[in-house]
Every structure is written in structure tokens, then in C-alpha cells.
Amino acid sequence: MEEKSKLAVFIAAKRNKAGLTQKELAEKLYVSDTAVSKWERGLSYPDITLVPEICRQLDISEHEFFTACDDIAARRQQKELKNVHLAFRVYQRVLYGVYALGLLTCFIVDLAVSDTLSWFFIVAASVLTAFTVTNLPFLLKRRRLIVPLAALTASAFLLLWVIWLYTGGEWLLSSFIVAGVSFAWLWLSALVVCRKNWPWRLRAGLLCLLAAFLLAGMNPLCGLLFDYNVPEWWDYISLLHSWNAETVSNKIIFWVLTLSGVGLLAAQLIKTLAAKQKRS
């Protein structure tokens, strides 16, 4: 029905351009005006024997007639692409306005309340961090993953440092270590994703395993650095004990990710071996 509707638009447009009514075209083709109406409503196709005469009456070539669907589809795709670009431009400008309004408001309030700028810099660093995710990828023509990720990494560490300048304390080094581990995982994941020549099963399997071991190690790492009691990393992966409220959800997620990753890697290995055996 979709192809018929595209051809229907084409026939109606060419008939109108030729200055013919449905009834007049029907009379020239020796068919009923109901038949022409069905063609233009996408309810039926013209009989193949009528195509040469239809082309003559509408002053088009048979090639134009048979490629009408492709031509109309291409124009529709171009229109949809323009709409997408317009939507992205509106999206970016709205965010620019929100960021600018938020920065201006916080600037005025901080200056009015504190007689100086203090926590405003936390807001500015937060906006910069958000900008690297929401706007920067759309401003780039190349490296839309690596460059924003590098900017996000730098701005996140800057944000932690600015917060530390405002609050003080002995947590800065520990937070840098946790952020470093998290961003190391993000960078490894990004490098896997960027390997377009790798089979999708291989990439998906590696991503699952990376996520599983980050999940198992992050809570114990935070407990060690910030000195609070959390289960050991083994408690998050052991199937024999520690099935309690603190570990059960992480334990389930860890094993789902791990088994998914191993299964995907095994499937890719089997496929690769089968392909090599077939070639030999």
C-alpha cells in the first residue's frame, strides 16, 4: 500500500500539471474515472498495458513512471532529513538558552547573597560538563564519540576540583581515583564501540564483561577509599553465600552480564571457526 500511495501522488501531480481532470484522463485512456480515482488514492495500480498511453497523456517517459516511487521516496527522505536537522537546531538553541539563563540567574544570586562569586563556579563547571554531553557531539563532523568523551573526562575532574575548593575536606584524591576508574571503563568501552571492523558479537560481549567487572569492583573500591563498610568484591559475585539485601541485586546483574558476555564471545568464536573451516 505504501508503494501505491507514492505512485498515486505522482500520477495526480502529473495529471494536474497536464491540466486534465480525472474524467478527461479516463476518457483518453478508455477507462472509467473511478479507475483513475483509485490510482490516485493508492487503491490499485494501472494495468501494465495502459502505461505507454498514460505516459503519453501525462507527457512523461516510461522510465519516469516506473521510477516515480523512488523519486518521491527520495524527496520525502530529504524533507524528513531537513526536519531532523531543524529539530536538532531547535534542541541546541533551547539548551543554549537554558544554560545561559541558569548561569545568569546563579551569577546574580550568588553575587547578591555572598557579595562575591563562590558556588557560582560549581554551577559553571556543571553546565560545562552537561554541555559536553548534550551539545558538543552535534557540533562536530568527525570523532563525535572520542572528542566529547575527552571533554567530559576533563570537565568532570574540573567539576570535582571546583567543588573541593568550595567545600574543602580530604575527599579529593579518593574522588579522583573513583572518577578515574569510571572513566577508564568508559574509554575502554568507547574503544570497543569504535572498532567497526570487529563483529558485533565480539563488541557486545566485551562490553558486557567490562560492565560486569566494573559493577563488582566499584562498591568495594568506594568503601576502601571513603572508609565505610561494604561487602567485599567476592560477595558480589559468589553464588554460594552473601545472598542478602546489600548484594543480591548486584549479584544477579553481574551474572547476567557475565553470562551474556561469555555467550556472545563463544558464539563469535564458533562462527569464526566455522567460517575458517568452510574456507579450508
C-alpha atoms as a PDB file:
ATOM      1  CA  MET A   1       0.000   0.000   0.000  1.00  0.00           C
ATOM      2  CA  GLU A   2       2.945   2.344   0.680  1.00  0.00           C
ATOM      3  CA  GLU A   3       4.281   1.933  -2.873  1.00  0.00           C
ATOM      4  CA  LYS A   4       0.801   2.505  -4.309  1.00  0.00           C
ATOM      5  CA  SER A   5       0.402   5.722  -2.340  1.00  0.00           C
ATOM      6  CA  LYS A   6       3.718   7.055  -3.676  1.00  0.00           C
ATOM      7  CA  LEU A   7       2.728   6.240  -7.262  1.00  0.00           C
ATOM      8  CA  ALA A   8      -0.690   7.775  -6.595  1.00  0.00           C
ATOM      9  CA  VAL A   9       0.884  11.097  -5.634  1.00  0.00           C
ATOM     10  CA  PHE A  10       2.998  11.031  -8.781  1.00  0.00           C
ATOM     11  CA  ILE A  11       0.070  10.318 -11.124  1.00  0.00           C
ATOM     12  CA  ALA A  12      -2.100  13.004  -9.516  1.00  0.00           C
ATOM     13  CA  ALA A  13       0.692  15.585  -9.711  1.00  0.00           C
ATOM     14  CA  LYS A  14       1.418  14.866 -13.390  1.00  0.00           C
ATOM     15  CA  ARG A  15      -2.293  14.860 -14.276  1.00  0.00           C
ATOM     16  CA  ASN A  16      -2.768  18.253 -12.655  1.00  0.00           C
ATOM     17  CA  LYS A  17       0.333  19.566 -14.420  1.00  0.00           C
ATOM     18  CA  ALA A  18      -1.100  18.349 -17.740  1.00  0.00           C
ATOM     19  CA  GLY A  19      -4.327  20.260 -16.990  1.00  0.00           C
ATOM     20  CA  LEU A  20      -6.539  17.184 -17.058  1.00  0.00           C
ATOM     21  CA  THR A  21      -9.361  16.173 -14.763  1.00  0.00           C
ATOM     22  CA  GLN A  22      -9.759  12.588 -13.670  1.00  0.00           C
ATOM     23  CA  LYS A  23     -12.701  12.221 -16.050  1.00  0.00           C
ATOM     24  CA  GLU A  24     -10.774  13.670 -19.000  1.00  0.00           C
ATOM     25  CA  LEU A  25      -7.797  11.386 -18.407  1.00  0.00           C
ATOM     26  CA  ALA A  26     -10.120   8.407 -18.036  1.00  0.00           C
ATOM     27  CA  GLU A  27     -11.789   9.201 -21.359  1.00  0.00           C
ATOM     28  CA  LYS A  28      -8.417   9.404 -23.134  1.00  0.00           C
ATOM     29  CA  LEU A  29      -7.382   6.054 -21.651  1.00  0.00           C
ATOM     30  CA  TYR A  30     -10.793   4.454 -22.269  1.00  0.00           C
ATOM     31  CA  VAL A  31     -11.204   3.584 -18.590  1.00  0.00           C
ATOM     32  CA  SER A  32     -13.679   4.805 -16.004  1.00  0.00           C
ATOM     33  CA  ASP A  33     -12.988   7.883 -13.925  1.00  0.00           C
ATOM     34  CA  THR A  34     -13.413   5.576 -10.910  1.00  0.00           C
ATOM     35  CA  ALA A  35     -10.321   3.659 -12.050  1.00  0.00           C
ATOM     36  CA  VAL A  36      -8.281   6.857 -12.251  1.00  0.00           C
ATOM     37  CA  SER A  37      -9.593   7.865  -8.828  1.00  0.00           C
ATOM     38  CA  LYS A  38      -8.432   4.518  -7.386  1.00  0.00           C
ATOM     39  CA  TRP A  39      -4.958   5.003  -8.887  1.00  0.00           C
ATOM     40  CA  GLU A  40      -4.634   8.421  -7.264  1.00  0.00           C
ATOM     41  CA  ARG A  41      -5.940   7.179  -3.924  1.00  0.00           C
ATOM     42  CA  GLY A  42      -3.470   4.324  -3.891  1.00  0.00           C
ATOM     43  CA  LEU A  43      -6.157   1.651  -4.041  1.00  0.00           C
ATOM     44  CA  SER A  44      -4.921  -0.002  -7.240  1.00  0.00           C
ATOM     45  CA  TYR A  45      -2.252   0.078  -9.953  1.00  0.00           C
ATOM     46  CA  PRO A  46      -2.869   0.960 -13.606  1.00  0.00           C
ATOM     47  CA  ASP A  47      -2.844  -2.054 -15.885  1.00  0.00           C
ATOM     48  CA  ILE A  48       0.597  -2.549 -17.393  1.00  0.00           C
ATOM     49  CA  THR A  49      -0.835  -2.276 -20.913  1.00  0.00           C
ATOM     50  CA  LEU A  50      -2.004   1.266 -20.143  1.00  0.00           C
ATOM     51  CA  VAL A  51       1.409   2.545 -19.103  1.00  0.00           C
ATOM     52  CA  PRO A  52       2.562   3.747 -22.566  1.00  0.00           C
ATOM     53  CA  GLU A  53      -0.669   5.697 -23.140  1.00  0.00           C
ATOM     54  CA  ILE A  54      -0.624   7.101 -19.596  1.00  0.00           C
ATOM     55  CA  CYS A  55       2.922   8.332 -20.191  1.00  0.00           C
ATOM     56  CA  ARG A  56       1.898   9.936 -23.500  1.00  0.00           C
ATOM     57  CA  GLN A  57      -1.100  11.718 -21.981  1.00  0.00           C
ATOM     58  CA  LEU A  58       0.878  12.924 -18.953  1.00  0.00           C
ATOM     59  CA  ASP A  59       3.912  13.861 -21.075  1.00  0.00           C
ATOM     60  CA  ILE A  60       6.351  11.678 -19.135  1.00  0.00           C
ATOM     61  CA  SER A  61       8.670   8.828 -20.078  1.00  0.00           C
ATOM     62  CA  GLU A  62       8.103   5.247 -19.065  1.00  0.00           C
ATOM     63  CA  HIS A  63      11.329   5.440 -17.064  1.00  0.00           C
ATOM     64  CA  GLU A  64       9.890   8.356 -15.071  1.00  0.00           C
ATOM     65  CA  PHE A  65       6.721   6.374 -14.462  1.00  0.00           C
ATOM     66  CA  PHE A  66       8.496   3.283 -13.143  1.00  0.00           C
ATOM     67  CA  THR A  67      10.978   5.250 -11.037  1.00  0.00           C
ATOM     68  CA  ALA A  68       8.305   7.570  -9.615  1.00  0.00           C
ATOM     69  CA  CYS A  69       8.234   5.707  -6.318  1.00  0.00           C
ATOM     70  CA  ASP A  70      11.977   6.051  -5.864  1.00  0.00           C
ATOM     71  CA  ASP A  71      11.905   9.746  -6.778  1.00  0.00           C
ATOM     72  CA  ILE A  72       9.071  10.507  -4.387  1.00  0.00           C
ATOM     73  CA  ALA A  73      10.726   8.453  -1.642  1.00  0.00           C
ATOM     74  CA  ALA A  74      13.988  10.357  -2.138  1.00  0.00           C
ATOM     75  CA  ARG A  75      12.223  13.719  -1.859  1.00  0.00           C
ATOM     76  CA  ARG A  76      10.415  12.501   1.232  1.00  0.00           C
ATOM     77  CA  GLN A  77      13.695  11.386   2.789  1.00  0.00           C
ATOM     78  CA  GLN A  78      15.253  14.774   2.041  1.00  0.00           C
ATOM     79  CA  LYS A  79      12.300  16.517   3.652  1.00  0.00           C
ATOM     80  CA  GLU A  80      12.481  14.267   6.708  1.00  0.00           C
ATOM     81  CA  LEU A  81      16.235  14.877   6.968  1.00  0.00           C
ATOM     82  CA  LYS A  82      15.648  18.636   6.878  1.00  0.00           C
ATOM     83  CA  ASN A  83      13.073  18.260   9.636  1.00  0.00           C
ATOM     84  CA  VAL A  84      15.560  16.289  11.724  1.00  0.00           C
ATOM     85  CA  HIS A  85      18.236  18.951  11.224  1.00  0.00           C
ATOM     86  CA  LEU A  86      15.727  21.649  12.159  1.00  0.00           C
ATOM     87  CA  ALA A  87      14.746  19.724  15.291  1.00  0.00           C
ATOM     88  CA  PHE A  88      18.401  19.424  16.310  1.00  0.00           C
ATOM     89  CA  ARG A  89      18.970  23.144  15.765  1.00  0.00           C
ATOM     90  CA  VAL A  90      15.939  23.987  17.886  1.00  0.00           C
ATOM     91  CA  TYR A  91      17.103  21.493  20.537  1.00  0.00           C
ATOM     92  CA  GLN A  92      20.552  23.084  20.686  1.00  0.00           C
ATOM     93  CA  ARG A  93      19.224  26.633  20.842  1.00  0.00           C
ATOM     94  CA  VAL A  94      16.791  25.733  23.619  1.00  0.00           C
ATOM     95  CA  LEU A  95      19.635  24.228  25.634  1.00  0.00           C
ATOM     96  CA  TYR A  96      21.826  27.257  24.957  1.00  0.00           C
ATOM     97  CA  GLY A  97      19.041  29.450  26.281  1.00  0.00           C
ATOM     98  CA  VAL A  98      18.502  27.268  29.359  1.00  0.00           C
ATOM     99  CA  TYR A  99      22.224  27.186  30.129  1.00  0.00           C
ATOM    100  CA  ALA A 100      22.608  30.940  29.621  1.00  0.00           C
ATOM    101  CA  LEU A 101      19.552  31.734  31.759  1.00  0.00           C
ATOM    102  CA  GLY A 102      20.731  29.380  34.516  1.00  0.00           C
ATOM    103  CA  LEU A 103      24.246  30.830  34.538  1.00  0.00           C
ATOM    104  CA  LEU A 104      22.975  34.408  34.560  1.00  0.00           C
ATOM    105  CA  THR A 105      20.494  33.709  37.368  1.00  0.00           C
ATOM    106  CA  CYS A 106      23.086  31.935  39.526  1.00  0.00           C
ATOM    107  CA  PHE A 107      25.636  34.678  38.825  1.00  0.00           C
ATOM    108  CA  ILE A 108      23.259  37.388  40.028  1.00  0.00           C
ATOM    109  CA  VAL A 109      22.015  35.440  43.051  1.00  0.00           C
ATOM    110  CA  ASP A 110      25.491  34.402  44.207  1.00  0.00           C
ATOM    111  CA  LEU A 111      26.780  37.943  43.824  1.00  0.00           C
ATOM    112  CA  ALA A 112      23.760  39.428  45.595  1.00  0.00           C
ATOM    113  CA  VAL A 113      23.765  36.988  48.530  1.00  0.00           C
ATOM    114  CA  SER A 114      27.505  36.489  49.064  1.00  0.00           C
ATOM    115  CA  ASP A 115      28.842  39.820  47.738  1.00  0.00           C
ATOM    116  CA  THR A 116      31.280  37.709  45.748  1.00  0.00           C
ATOM    117  CA  LEU A 117      31.301  34.720  43.448  1.00  0.00           C
ATOM    118  CA  SER A 118      31.651  31.386  45.229  1.00  0.00           C
ATOM    119  CA  TRP A 119      29.290  28.491  44.455  1.00  0.00           C
ATOM    120  CA  PHE A 120      28.586  30.015  41.035  1.00  0.00           C
ATOM    121  CA  PHE A 121      31.764  28.336  39.755  1.00  0.00           C
ATOM    122  CA  ILE A 122      30.284  24.935  40.688  1.00  0.00           C
ATOM    123  CA  VAL A 123      27.263  25.766  38.537  1.00  0.00           C
ATOM    124  CA  ALA A 124      29.504  26.916  35.681  1.00  0.00           C
ATOM    125  CA  ALA A 125      31.561  23.714  35.820  1.00  0.00           C
ATOM    126  CA  SER A 126      28.359  21.641  35.956  1.00  0.00           C
ATOM    127  CA  VAL A 127      26.985  23.408  32.873  1.00  0.00           C
ATOM    128  CA  LEU A 128      30.276  22.806  31.067  1.00  0.00           C
ATOM    129  CA  THR A 129      30.084  19.104  31.918  1.00  0.00           C
ATOM    130  CA  ALA A 130      26.481  18.905  30.695  1.00  0.00           C
ATOM    131  CA  PHE A 131      27.396  20.794  27.501  1.00  0.00           C
ATOM    132  CA  THR A 132      29.976  18.148  26.545  1.00  0.00           C
ATOM    133  CA  VAL A 133      27.178  15.553  26.508  1.00  0.00           C
ATOM    134  CA  THR A 134      24.130  17.465  25.238  1.00  0.00           C
ATOM    135  CA  ASN A 135      25.593  19.836  22.631  1.00  0.00           C
ATOM    136  CA  LEU A 136      29.214  19.122  21.757  1.00  0.00           C
ATOM    137  CA  PRO A 137      28.586  15.875  19.799  1.00  0.00           C
ATOM    138  CA  PHE A 138      26.225  17.727  17.442  1.00  0.00           C
ATOM    139  CA  LEU A 139      28.756  20.484  16.754  1.00  0.00           C
ATOM    140  CA  LEU A 140      31.356  18.042  15.448  1.00  0.00           C
ATOM    141  CA  LYS A 141      31.543  16.495  11.999  1.00  0.00           C
ATOM    142  CA  ARG A 142      34.106  13.859  12.969  1.00  0.00           C
ATOM    143  CA  ARG A 143      35.092  11.966  16.122  1.00  0.00           C
ATOM    144  CA  ARG A 144      31.710  12.518  17.732  1.00  0.00           C
ATOM    145  CA  LEU A 145      32.469   9.924  20.391  1.00  0.00           C
ATOM    146  CA  ILE A 146      36.133  10.418  21.272  1.00  0.00           C
ATOM    147  CA  VAL A 147      36.243  14.237  21.423  1.00  0.00           C
ATOM    148  CA  PRO A 148      33.111  14.629  23.606  1.00  0.00           C
ATOM    149  CA  LEU A 149      34.350  11.819  25.865  1.00  0.00           C
ATOM    150  CA  ALA A 150      37.703  13.583  26.274  1.00  0.00           C
ATOM    151  CA  ALA A 151      35.904  16.849  27.045  1.00  0.00           C
ATOM    152  CA  LEU A 152      33.588  15.079  29.501  1.00  0.00           C
ATOM    153  CA  THR A 153      36.553  13.492  31.275  1.00  0.00           C
ATOM    154  CA  ALA A 154      38.356  16.824  31.671  1.00  0.00           C
ATOM    155  CA  SER A 155      35.229  18.739  32.733  1.00  0.00           C
ATOM    156  CA  ALA A 156      34.241  16.070  35.279  1.00  0.00           C
ATOM    157  CA  PHE A 157      37.627  16.293  37.010  1.00  0.00           C
ATOM    158  CA  LEU A 158      37.385  20.086  36.852  1.00  0.00           C
ATOM    159  CA  LEU A 159      33.954  19.926  38.498  1.00  0.00           C
ATOM    160  CA  LEU A 160      35.283  17.758  41.338  1.00  0.00           C
ATOM    161  CA  TRP A 161      38.161  20.165  41.877  1.00  0.00           C
ATOM    162  CA  VAL A 162      35.863  23.228  41.929  1.00  0.00           C
ATOM    163  CA  ILE A 163      33.533  21.533  44.421  1.00  0.00           C
ATOM    164  CA  TRP A 164      36.542  20.708  46.606  1.00  0.00           C
ATOM    165  CA  LEU A 165      37.689  24.341  46.514  1.00  0.00           C
ATOM    166  CA  TYR A 166      34.258  25.386  47.817  1.00  0.00           C
ATOM    167  CA  THR A 167      33.732  22.652  50.431  1.00  0.00           C
ATOM    168  CA  GLY A 168      37.244  21.580  51.433  1.00  0.00           C
ATOM    169  CA  GLY A 169      37.916  18.218  53.007  1.00  0.00           C
ATOM    170  CA  GLU A 170      40.152  15.227  52.362  1.00  0.00           C
ATOM    171  CA  TRP A 171      37.986  13.518  49.762  1.00  0.00           C
ATOM    172  CA  LEU A 172      39.510  14.980  46.587  1.00  0.00           C
ATOM    173  CA  LEU A 173      42.127  12.285  45.925  1.00  0.00           C
ATOM    174  CA  SER A 174      39.641   9.470  46.622  1.00  0.00           C
ATOM    175  CA  SER A 175      37.064  11.021  44.309  1.00  0.00           C
ATOM    176  CA  PHE A 176      39.705  11.416  41.601  1.00  0.00           C
ATOM    177  CA  ILE A 177      40.539   7.689  41.903  1.00  0.00           C
ATOM    178  CA  VAL A 178      36.870   6.670  41.642  1.00  0.00           C
ATOM    179  CA  ALA A 179      36.327   9.035  38.696  1.00  0.00           C
ATOM    180  CA  GLY A 180      39.498   7.722  37.080  1.00  0.00           C
ATOM    181  CA  VAL A 181      38.324   4.117  37.310  1.00  0.00           C
ATOM    182  CA  SER A 182      34.885   5.066  35.952  1.00  0.00           C
ATOM    183  CA  PHE A 183      36.318   6.990  33.021  1.00  0.00           C
ATOM    184  CA  ALA A 184      38.839   4.245  32.314  1.00  0.00           C
ATOM    185  CA  TRP A 185      35.844   1.923  31.898  1.00  0.00           C
ATOM    186  CA  LEU A 186      34.147   4.481  29.626  1.00  0.00           C
ATOM    187  CA  TRP A 187      37.264   4.852  27.492  1.00  0.00           C
ATOM    188  CA  LEU A 188      37.697   1.098  27.147  1.00  0.00           C
ATOM    189  CA  SER A 189      34.025   0.795  26.193  1.00  0.00           C
ATOM    190  CA  ALA A 190      34.385   3.615  23.660  1.00  0.00           C
ATOM    191  CA  LEU A 191      37.430   1.950  22.102  1.00  0.00           C
ATOM    192  CA  VAL A 192      35.475  -1.297  21.763  1.00  0.00           C
ATOM    193  CA  VAL A 193      32.498   0.524  20.202  1.00  0.00           C
ATOM    194  CA  CYS A 194      34.769   2.334  17.737  1.00  0.00           C
ATOM    195  CA  ARG A 195      36.142  -0.948  16.386  1.00  0.00           C
ATOM    196  CA  LYS A 196      33.711  -1.063  13.487  1.00  0.00           C
ATOM    197  CA  ASN A 197      35.655  -3.886  11.845  1.00  0.00           C
ATOM    198  CA  TRP A 198      35.037  -6.141  14.847  1.00  0.00           C
ATOM    199  CA  PRO A 199      31.944  -8.360  14.686  1.00  0.00           C
ATOM    200  CA  TRP A 200      29.035  -7.062  16.737  1.00  0.00           C
ATOM    201  CA  ARG A 201      29.023 -10.178  18.949  1.00  0.00           C
ATOM    202  CA  LEU A 202      32.641  -9.560  19.909  1.00  0.00           C
ATOM    203  CA  ARG A 203      32.000  -5.921  20.781  1.00  0.00           C
ATOM    204  CA  ALA A 204      28.791  -6.643  22.672  1.00  0.00           C
ATOM    205  CA  GLY A 205      30.423  -9.480  24.611  1.00  0.00           C
ATOM    206  CA  LEU A 206      33.374  -7.332  25.674  1.00  0.00           C
ATOM    207  CA  LEU A 207      31.058  -4.505  26.734  1.00  0.00           C
ATOM    208  CA  CYS A 208      29.033  -6.910  28.892  1.00  0.00           C
ATOM    209  CA  LEU A 209      32.178  -8.202  30.611  1.00  0.00           C
ATOM    210  CA  LEU A 210      33.529  -4.684  31.180  1.00  0.00           C
ATOM    211  CA  ALA A 211      30.221  -3.622  32.753  1.00  0.00           C
ATOM    212  CA  ALA A 212      30.106  -6.751  34.939  1.00  0.00           C
ATOM    213  CA  PHE A 213      33.534  -6.276  36.464  1.00  0.00           C
ATOM    214  CA  LEU A 214      33.019  -2.535  36.962  1.00  0.00           C
ATOM    215  CA  LEU A 215      29.830  -3.356  38.858  1.00  0.00           C
ATOM    216  CA  ALA A 216      31.600  -5.919  41.064  1.00  0.00           C
ATOM    217  CA  GLY A 217      34.572  -3.694  41.833  1.00  0.00           C
ATOM    218  CA  MET A 218      33.159  -0.200  42.245  1.00  0.00           C
ATOM    219  CA  ASN A 219      31.353  -0.592  45.589  1.00  0.00           C
ATOM    220  CA  PRO A 220      34.315  -2.255  47.366  1.00  0.00           C
ATOM    221  CA  LEU A 221      36.629   0.392  45.913  1.00  0.00           C
ATOM    222  CA  CYS A 222      34.423   3.215  47.220  1.00  0.00           C
ATOM    223  CA  GLY A 223      34.203   1.518  50.630  1.00  0.00           C
ATOM    224  CA  LEU A 224      38.001   1.268  50.805  1.00  0.00           C
ATOM    225  CA  LEU A 225      38.633   4.861  49.735  1.00  0.00           C
ATOM    226  CA  PHE A 226      35.895   6.548  51.774  1.00  0.00           C
ATOM    227  CA  ASP A 227      36.197   4.228  54.781  1.00  0.00           C
ATOM    228  CA  TYR A 228      32.729   2.767  55.156  1.00  0.00           C
ATOM    229  CA  ASN A 229      31.629  -0.813  55.476  1.00  0.00           C
ATOM    230  CA  VAL A 230      30.519  -2.523  52.290  1.00  0.00           C
ATOM    231  CA  PRO A 231      30.598  -6.179  51.216  1.00  0.00           C
ATOM    232  CA  GLU A 232      33.836  -7.454  49.710  1.00  0.00           C
ATOM    233  CA  TRP A 233      34.059  -7.718  45.929  1.00  0.00           C
ATOM    234  CA  TRP A 234      33.800 -11.519  46.210  1.00  0.00           C
ATOM    235  CA  ASP A 235      30.402 -11.148  47.900  1.00  0.00           C
ATOM    236  CA  TYR A 236      29.032  -9.526  44.743  1.00  0.00           C
ATOM    237  CA  ILE A 237      29.918 -12.468  42.517  1.00  0.00           C
ATOM    238  CA  SER A 238      29.823 -15.571  44.755  1.00  0.00           C
ATOM    239  CA  LEU A 239      26.889 -17.898  44.154  1.00  0.00           C
ATOM    240  CA  LEU A 240      27.468 -19.833  47.397  1.00  0.00           C
ATOM    241  CA  HIS A 241      26.899 -17.138  50.037  1.00  0.00           C
ATOM    242  CA  SER A 242      26.072 -13.480  50.764  1.00  0.00           C
ATOM    243  CA  TRP A 243      22.578 -13.587  49.304  1.00  0.00           C
ATOM    244  CA  ASN A 244      21.339 -10.552  51.241  1.00  0.00           C
ATOM    245  CA  ALA A 245      19.677  -7.211  50.506  1.00  0.00           C
ATOM    246  CA  GLU A 246      23.036  -5.464  50.026  1.00  0.00           C
ATOM    247  CA  THR A 247      24.365  -7.790  47.357  1.00  0.00           C
ATOM    248  CA  VAL A 248      21.516  -9.696  45.713  1.00  0.00           C
ATOM    249  CA  SER A 249      20.672  -7.147  43.002  1.00  0.00           C
ATOM    250  CA  ASN A 250      24.315  -6.558  42.061  1.00  0.00           C
ATOM    251  CA  LYS A 251      24.969 -10.301  42.162  1.00  0.00           C
ATOM    252  CA  ILE A 252      22.124 -11.008  39.717  1.00  0.00           C
ATOM    253  CA  ILE A 253      23.140  -8.202  37.374  1.00  0.00           C
ATOM    254  CA  PHE A 254      26.791  -9.284  37.492  1.00  0.00           C
ATOM    255  CA  TRP A 255      25.990 -12.846  36.459  1.00  0.00           C
ATOM    256  CA  VAL A 256      23.510 -11.795  33.782  1.00  0.00           C
ATOM    257  CA  LEU A 257      26.151  -9.512  32.236  1.00  0.00           C
ATOM    258  CA  THR A 258      28.922 -12.079  32.629  1.00  0.00           C
ATOM    259  CA  LEU A 259      26.979 -14.978  31.133  1.00  0.00           C
ATOM    260  CA  SER A 260      25.730 -12.736  28.306  1.00  0.00           C
ATOM    261  CA  GLY A 261      29.273 -11.613  27.542  1.00  0.00           C
ATOM    262  CA  VAL A 262      30.696 -15.140  27.627  1.00  0.00           C
ATOM    263  CA  GLY A 263      27.819 -16.416  25.497  1.00  0.00           C
ATOM    264  CA  LEU A 264      28.332 -13.714  22.869  1.00  0.00           C
ATOM    265  CA  LEU A 265      32.086 -14.305  22.742  1.00  0.00           C
ATOM    266  CA  ALA A 266      31.565 -18.065  22.469  1.00  0.00           C
ATOM    267  CA  ALA A 267      29.044 -17.592  19.655  1.00  0.00           C
ATOM    268  CA  GLN A 268      31.502 -15.380  17.785  1.00  0.00           C
ATOM    269  CA  LEU A 269      34.322 -17.879  18.284  1.00  0.00           C
ATOM    270  CA  ILE A 270      32.172 -20.724  16.947  1.00  0.00           C
ATOM    271  CA  LYS A 271      31.156 -18.635  13.939  1.00  0.00           C
ATOM    272  CA  THR A 272      34.774 -17.687  13.210  1.00  0.00           C
ATOM    273  CA  LEU A 273      35.977 -21.291  13.437  1.00  0.00           C
ATOM    274  CA  ALA A 274      33.127 -22.468  11.223  1.00  0.00           C
ATOM    275  CA  ALA A 275      33.996 -19.820   8.627  1.00  0.00           C
ATOM    276  CA  LYS A 276      37.677 -20.832   8.656  1.00  0.00           C
ATOM    277  CA  GLN A 277      36.753 -24.489   8.306  1.00  0.00           C
ATOM    278  CA  LYS A 278      34.454 -23.693   5.405  1.00  0.00           C
ATOM    279  CA  ARG A 279      37.176 -21.743   3.587  1.00  0.00           C
ATOM    280  CA  SER A 280      39.664 -24.561   4.071  1.00  0.00           C
END
